[in-house]
């Protein structure tokens, strides 16, 4: 992880040295770094990266390009990791509603962000509703295996908090199998 983050930081710095003007390459590299930092749960550094590059200055619209919708979903997730769950829920739920049947994978991922953030706010019923929505959506099959593993893990955590141990255990097994399929070794 450290090596990957170092290479991303180096790429962002090199692009900045080579081009004095803001451009899409800089935003794309910066978004990749911000996303990786978010996945690594380094929310404060990810927030700084988003702020420095003003990656979210364009309002999101229904016809927004896929990469822009993805940036917003990652940003909402990062807000949840920072403890700003209410803002994360508002943003991710708004994205999911706006997307409707477009960008199905990102809609499912946005629902998973709402589920995580609602769980962190102790909004158990809402967390369960959104986690089940993400898990049961046919578009989940289009989500990369590691993303599906995260959804399964989130639903398992919610079920455990509710005392539903048997279905939670089955989901943990599915989550581990999906991580293995994605060649990710959970810590």
C-alpha atoms as a PDB file:
ATOM      1  CA  UNK A   1       0.000   0.000   0.000  1.00  0.00           C
ATOM      2  CA  UNK A   2       2.720   2.456   0.956  1.00  0.00           C
ATOM      3  CA  UNK A   3       4.562   1.771  -2.281  1.00  0.00           C
ATOM      4  CA  UNK A   4       1.424   2.268  -4.364  1.00  0.00           C
ATOM      5  CA  UNK A   5       0.583   5.528  -2.593  1.00  0.00           C
ATOM      6  CA  UNK A   6       4.170   6.732  -3.071  1.00  0.00           C
ATOM      7  CA  UNK A   7       3.967   6.067  -6.819  1.00  0.00           C
ATOM      8  CA  UNK A   8       0.633   7.879  -7.083  1.00  0.00           C
ATOM      9  CA  UNK A   9       1.995  10.852  -5.140  1.00  0.00           C
ATOM     10  CA  UNK A  10       5.080  10.887  -7.378  1.00  0.00           C
ATOM     11  CA  UNK A  11       2.913  10.837 -10.521  1.00  0.00           C
ATOM     12  CA  UNK A  12       0.814  13.753  -9.235  1.00  0.00           C
ATOM     13  CA  UNK A  13       3.953  15.736  -8.373  1.00  0.00           C
ATOM     14  CA  UNK A  14       5.615  14.969 -11.730  1.00  0.00           C
ATOM     15  CA  UNK A  15       2.546  16.081 -13.662  1.00  0.00           C
ATOM     16  CA  UNK A  16       2.457  19.330 -11.664  1.00  0.00           C
ATOM     17  CA  UNK A  17       6.145  19.989 -12.415  1.00  0.00           C
ATOM     18  CA  UNK A  18       5.704  19.290 -16.136  1.00  0.00           C
ATOM     19  CA  UNK A  19       2.527  21.341 -16.633  1.00  0.00           C
ATOM     20  CA  UNK A  20       1.960  24.636 -14.911  1.00  0.00           C
ATOM     21  CA  UNK A  21      -1.685  24.866 -16.001  1.00  0.00           C
ATOM     22  CA  UNK A  22      -4.590  22.926 -14.541  1.00  0.00           C
ATOM     23  CA  UNK A  23      -5.706  20.143 -16.877  1.00  0.00           C
ATOM     24  CA  UNK A  24      -7.686  16.929 -16.970  1.00  0.00           C
ATOM     25  CA  UNK A  25      -4.537  14.804 -16.513  1.00  0.00           C
ATOM     26  CA  UNK A  26      -3.876  16.553 -13.201  1.00  0.00           C
ATOM     27  CA  UNK A  27      -7.474  16.079 -12.084  1.00  0.00           C
ATOM     28  CA  UNK A  28      -7.450  12.409 -13.131  1.00  0.00           C
ATOM     29  CA  UNK A  29      -4.191  11.635 -11.359  1.00  0.00           C
ATOM     30  CA  UNK A  30      -5.320  13.611  -8.318  1.00  0.00           C
ATOM     31  CA  UNK A  31      -8.620  11.762  -8.290  1.00  0.00           C
ATOM     32  CA  UNK A  32      -6.783   8.434  -8.450  1.00  0.00           C
ATOM     33  CA  UNK A  33      -4.653   9.477  -5.481  1.00  0.00           C
ATOM     34  CA  UNK A  34      -7.659  10.794  -3.541  1.00  0.00           C
ATOM     35  CA  UNK A  35      -9.560   7.566  -4.216  1.00  0.00           C
ATOM     36  CA  UNK A  36      -6.656   5.376  -3.139  1.00  0.00           C
ATOM     37  CA  UNK A  37      -6.228   7.431   0.018  1.00  0.00           C
ATOM     38  CA  UNK A  38      -9.939   7.060   0.712  1.00  0.00           C
ATOM     39  CA  UNK A  39      -9.810   3.280   0.257  1.00  0.00           C
ATOM     40  CA  UNK A  40      -6.793   3.230   2.594  1.00  0.00           C
ATOM     41  CA  UNK A  41      -8.952   5.074   5.161  1.00  0.00           C
ATOM     42  CA  UNK A  42      -6.645   8.103   5.068  1.00  0.00           C
ATOM     43  CA  UNK A  43      -9.591  10.440   4.970  1.00  0.00           C
ATOM     44  CA  UNK A  44      -7.839  13.644   6.018  1.00  0.00           C
ATOM     45  CA  UNK A  45      -5.180  13.324   3.329  1.00  0.00           C
ATOM     46  CA  UNK A  46      -7.854  12.383   0.779  1.00  0.00           C
ATOM     47  CA  UNK A  47      -9.879  15.436   1.792  1.00  0.00           C
ATOM     48  CA  UNK A  48      -6.812  17.640   1.278  1.00  0.00           C
ATOM     49  CA  UNK A  49      -6.300  16.127  -2.176  1.00  0.00           C
ATOM     50  CA  UNK A  50      -9.942  16.772  -3.128  1.00  0.00           C
ATOM     51  CA  UNK A  51      -9.713  20.333  -1.814  1.00  0.00           C
ATOM     52  CA  UNK A  52      -6.394  21.122  -3.506  1.00  0.00           C
ATOM     53  CA  UNK A  53      -7.564  19.971  -6.897  1.00  0.00           C
ATOM     54  CA  UNK A  54     -11.136  21.186  -6.509  1.00  0.00           C
ATOM     55  CA  UNK A  55     -12.231  17.860  -7.970  1.00  0.00           C
ATOM     56  CA  UNK A  56     -15.876  18.387  -7.113  1.00  0.00           C
ATOM     57  CA  UNK A  57     -16.360  21.924  -8.409  1.00  0.00           C
ATOM     58  CA  UNK A  58     -18.659  20.810 -11.190  1.00  0.00           C
ATOM     59  CA  UNK A  59     -22.173  20.036  -9.967  1.00  0.00           C
ATOM     60  CA  UNK A  60     -23.263  16.499 -10.668  1.00  0.00           C
ATOM     61  CA  UNK A  61     -25.993  16.034 -13.267  1.00  0.00           C
ATOM     62  CA  UNK A  62     -27.861  13.040 -14.635  1.00  0.00           C
ATOM     63  CA  UNK A  63     -25.769  13.100 -17.813  1.00  0.00           C
ATOM     64  CA  UNK A  64     -22.445  13.462 -15.954  1.00  0.00           C
ATOM     65  CA  UNK A  65     -19.605  11.281 -17.217  1.00  0.00           C
ATOM     66  CA  UNK A  66     -18.991   8.073 -15.328  1.00  0.00           C
ATOM     67  CA  UNK A  67     -15.649   9.256 -13.899  1.00  0.00           C
ATOM     68  CA  UNK A  68     -17.326  12.335 -12.406  1.00  0.00           C
ATOM     69  CA  UNK A  69     -20.085  10.297 -10.750  1.00  0.00           C
ATOM     70  CA  UNK A  70     -17.426   7.943  -9.384  1.00  0.00           C
ATOM     71  CA  UNK A  71     -15.514  10.873  -7.877  1.00  0.00           C
ATOM     72  CA  UNK A  72     -18.647  11.990  -6.059  1.00  0.00           C
ATOM     73  CA  UNK A  73     -19.349   8.482  -4.726  1.00  0.00           C
ATOM     74  CA  UNK A  74     -15.730   8.194  -3.480  1.00  0.00           C
ATOM     75  CA  UNK A  75     -16.005  11.626  -1.888  1.00  0.00           C
ATOM     76  CA  UNK A  76     -19.222  10.632  -0.086  1.00  0.00           C
ATOM     77  CA  UNK A  77     -17.489   7.480   1.146  1.00  0.00           C
ATOM     78  CA  UNK A  78     -14.560   9.545   2.407  1.00  0.00           C
ATOM     79  CA  UNK A  79     -16.971  11.833   4.269  1.00  0.00           C
ATOM     80  CA  UNK A  80     -18.372   8.742   5.994  1.00  0.00           C
ATOM     81  CA  UNK A  81     -14.866   7.611   6.981  1.00  0.00           C
ATOM     82  CA  UNK A  82     -14.245  11.082   8.442  1.00  0.00           C
ATOM     83  CA  UNK A  83     -17.313  10.769  10.642  1.00  0.00           C
ATOM     84  CA  UNK A  84     -19.370  13.182   8.552  1.00  0.00           C
ATOM     85  CA  UNK A  85     -22.026  10.532   8.111  1.00  0.00           C
ATOM     86  CA  UNK A  86     -24.983  12.882   7.656  1.00  0.00           C
ATOM     87  CA  UNK A  87     -23.226  14.635   4.763  1.00  0.00           C
ATOM     88  CA  UNK A  88     -22.160  11.272   3.318  1.00  0.00           C
ATOM     89  CA  UNK A  89     -25.733   9.957   3.480  1.00  0.00           C
ATOM     90  CA  UNK A  90     -27.157  13.072   1.833  1.00  0.00           C
ATOM     91  CA  UNK A  91     -24.581  13.040  -0.948  1.00  0.00           C
ATOM     92  CA  UNK A  92     -24.646   9.285  -1.687  1.00  0.00           C
ATOM     93  CA  UNK A  93     -28.436   9.010  -1.478  1.00  0.00           C
ATOM     94  CA  UNK A  94     -28.769  12.015  -3.786  1.00  0.00           C
ATOM     95  CA  UNK A  95     -26.390  10.400  -6.274  1.00  0.00           C
ATOM     96  CA  UNK A  96     -28.295   7.105  -6.212  1.00  0.00           C
ATOM     97  CA  UNK A  97     -31.650   8.857  -6.715  1.00  0.00           C
ATOM     98  CA  UNK A  98     -30.297  11.077  -9.476  1.00  0.00           C
ATOM     99  CA  UNK A  99     -28.694   8.205 -11.383  1.00  0.00           C
ATOM    100  CA  UNK A 100     -31.818   6.054 -11.514  1.00  0.00           C
ATOM    101  CA  UNK A 101     -31.038   3.382 -14.101  1.00  0.00           C
ATOM    102  CA  UNK A 102     -27.845   5.072 -15.327  1.00  0.00           C
ATOM    103  CA  UNK A 103     -24.444   4.144 -13.947  1.00  0.00           C
ATOM    104  CA  UNK A 104     -25.893   1.082 -12.186  1.00  0.00           C
ATOM    105  CA  UNK A 105     -22.619   0.036 -10.553  1.00  0.00           C
ATOM    106  CA  UNK A 106     -22.134   3.463  -9.004  1.00  0.00           C
ATOM    107  CA  UNK A 107     -25.744   3.501  -7.846  1.00  0.00           C
ATOM    108  CA  UNK A 108     -25.149   0.235  -5.983  1.00  0.00           C
ATOM    109  CA  UNK A 109     -21.899   1.595  -4.537  1.00  0.00           C
ATOM    110  CA  UNK A 110     -23.692   4.796  -3.452  1.00  0.00           C
ATOM    111  CA  UNK A 111     -26.292   2.695  -1.620  1.00  0.00           C
ATOM    112  CA  UNK A 112     -23.457   0.870   0.157  1.00  0.00           C
ATOM    113  CA  UNK A 113     -22.029   4.239   1.251  1.00  0.00           C
ATOM    114  CA  UNK A 114     -25.442   5.230   2.641  1.00  0.00           C
ATOM    115  CA  UNK A 115     -25.632   1.889   4.492  1.00  0.00           C
ATOM    116  CA  UNK A 116     -22.178   2.319   6.053  1.00  0.00           C
ATOM    117  CA  UNK A 117     -22.795   5.924   7.012  1.00  0.00           C
ATOM    118  CA  UNK A 118     -26.246   5.165   8.464  1.00  0.00           C
ATOM    119  CA  UNK A 119     -24.751   2.300  10.507  1.00  0.00           C
ATOM    120  CA  UNK A 120     -22.104   4.654  11.862  1.00  0.00           C
ATOM    121  CA  UNK A 121     -24.903   7.042  12.881  1.00  0.00           C
ATOM    122  CA  UNK A 122     -26.741   4.178  14.623  1.00  0.00           C
ATOM    123  CA  UNK A 123     -29.590   4.396  12.122  1.00  0.00           C
ATOM    124  CA  UNK A 124     -30.010   0.634  12.019  1.00  0.00           C
ATOM    125  CA  UNK A 125     -33.211   0.380   9.996  1.00  0.00           C
ATOM    126  CA  UNK A 126     -31.960   2.770   7.326  1.00  0.00           C
ATOM    127  CA  UNK A 127     -28.568   1.026   7.226  1.00  0.00           C
ATOM    128  CA  UNK A 128     -30.234  -2.359   6.786  1.00  0.00           C
ATOM    129  CA  UNK A 129     -32.601  -1.084   4.089  1.00  0.00           C
ATOM    130  CA  UNK A 130     -29.782   0.388   1.988  1.00  0.00           C
ATOM    131  CA  UNK A 131     -27.361  -2.512   2.532  1.00  0.00           C
ATOM    132  CA  UNK A 132     -30.042  -4.982   1.442  1.00  0.00           C
ATOM    133  CA  UNK A 133     -30.887  -2.771  -1.531  1.00  0.00           C
ATOM    134  CA  UNK A 134     -27.208  -2.761  -2.589  1.00  0.00           C
ATOM    135  CA  UNK A 135     -26.761  -6.498  -1.989  1.00  0.00           C
ATOM    136  CA  UNK A 136     -29.984  -7.569  -3.717  1.00  0.00           C
ATOM    137  CA  UNK A 137     -29.725  -5.269  -6.739  1.00  0.00           C
ATOM    138  CA  UNK A 138     -29.023  -7.314  -9.900  1.00  0.00           C
ATOM    139  CA  UNK A 139     -26.440  -4.660 -10.866  1.00  0.00           C
ATOM    140  CA  UNK A 140     -24.303  -5.819  -7.917  1.00  0.00           C
ATOM    141  CA  UNK A 141     -23.078  -8.584 -10.219  1.00  0.00           C
ATOM    142  CA  UNK A 142     -21.405  -5.840 -12.291  1.00  0.00           C
ATOM    143  CA  UNK A 143     -19.501  -4.472  -9.280  1.00  0.00           C
ATOM    144  CA  UNK A 144     -15.883  -5.638  -9.011  1.00  0.00           C
ATOM    145  CA  UNK A 145     -15.502  -8.560  -6.548  1.00  0.00           C
ATOM    146  CA  UNK A 146     -13.705  -6.469  -3.906  1.00  0.00           C
ATOM    147  CA  UNK A 147     -16.590  -3.971  -4.014  1.00  0.00           C
ATOM    148  CA  UNK A 148     -19.105  -6.788  -3.618  1.00  0.00           C
ATOM    149  CA  UNK A 149     -17.059  -8.075  -0.682  1.00  0.00           C
ATOM    150  CA  UNK A 150     -17.326  -4.681   0.999  1.00  0.00           C
ATOM    151  CA  UNK A 151     -21.107  -4.660   0.492  1.00  0.00           C
ATOM    152  CA  UNK A 152     -21.394  -8.171   1.956  1.00  0.00           C
ATOM    153  CA  UNK A 153     -19.220  -7.153   4.891  1.00  0.00           C
ATOM    154  CA  UNK A 154     -21.290  -4.048   5.541  1.00  0.00           C
ATOM    155  CA  UNK A 155     -24.537  -6.017   5.482  1.00  0.00           C
ATOM    156  CA  UNK A 156     -22.959  -8.629   7.797  1.00  0.00           C
ATOM    157  CA  UNK A 157     -21.909  -5.904  10.266  1.00  0.00           C
ATOM    158  CA  UNK A 158     -25.435  -4.478  10.285  1.00  0.00           C
ATOM    159  CA  UNK A 159     -26.965  -7.914  10.826  1.00  0.00           C
ATOM    160  CA  UNK A 160     -24.515  -8.645  13.657  1.00  0.00           C
ATOM    161  CA  UNK A 161     -25.522  -5.418  15.388  1.00  0.00           C
ATOM    162  CA  UNK A 162     -29.129  -6.598  15.142  1.00  0.00           C
ATOM    163  CA  UNK A 163     -28.267 -10.018  16.596  1.00  0.00           C
ATOM    164  CA  UNK A 164     -28.875 -11.878  13.316  1.00  0.00           C
ATOM    165  CA  UNK A 165     -25.762 -14.047  13.619  1.00  0.00           C
ATOM    166  CA  UNK A 166     -26.529 -16.865  11.190  1.00  0.00           C
ATOM    167  CA  UNK A 167     -27.155 -14.736   8.074  1.00  0.00           C
ATOM    168  CA  UNK A 168     -24.254 -12.479   9.092  1.00  0.00           C
ATOM    169  CA  UNK A 169     -21.889 -15.477   9.257  1.00  0.00           C
ATOM    170  CA  UNK A 170     -22.952 -16.566   5.761  1.00  0.00           C
ATOM    171  CA  UNK A 171     -22.287 -13.062   4.439  1.00  0.00           C
ATOM    172  CA  UNK A 172     -18.847 -12.959   6.078  1.00  0.00           C
ATOM    173  CA  UNK A 173     -18.001 -16.220   4.266  1.00  0.00           C
ATOM    174  CA  UNK A 174     -19.229 -14.732   0.984  1.00  0.00           C
ATOM    175  CA  UNK A 175     -17.245 -11.580   1.644  1.00  0.00           C
ATOM    176  CA  UNK A 176     -14.042 -13.542   2.246  1.00  0.00           C
ATOM    177  CA  UNK A 177     -14.623 -15.604  -0.915  1.00  0.00           C
ATOM    178  CA  UNK A 178     -15.140 -12.416  -2.929  1.00  0.00           C
ATOM    179  CA  UNK A 179     -11.972 -10.869  -1.489  1.00  0.00           C
ATOM    180  CA  UNK A 180     -10.098 -14.052  -2.425  1.00  0.00           C
ATOM    181  CA  UNK A 181     -11.563 -13.887  -5.941  1.00  0.00           C
ATOM    182  CA  UNK A 182     -10.308 -10.285  -6.132  1.00  0.00           C
ATOM    183  CA  UNK A 183      -6.912 -11.461  -4.859  1.00  0.00           C
ATOM    184  CA  UNK A 184      -7.190  -9.281  -1.759  1.00  0.00           C
ATOM    185  CA  UNK A 185      -5.966 -10.619   1.563  1.00  0.00           C
ATOM    186  CA  UNK A 186      -8.064  -9.088   4.362  1.00  0.00           C
ATOM    187  CA  UNK A 187      -6.044  -7.977   7.366  1.00  0.00           C
END
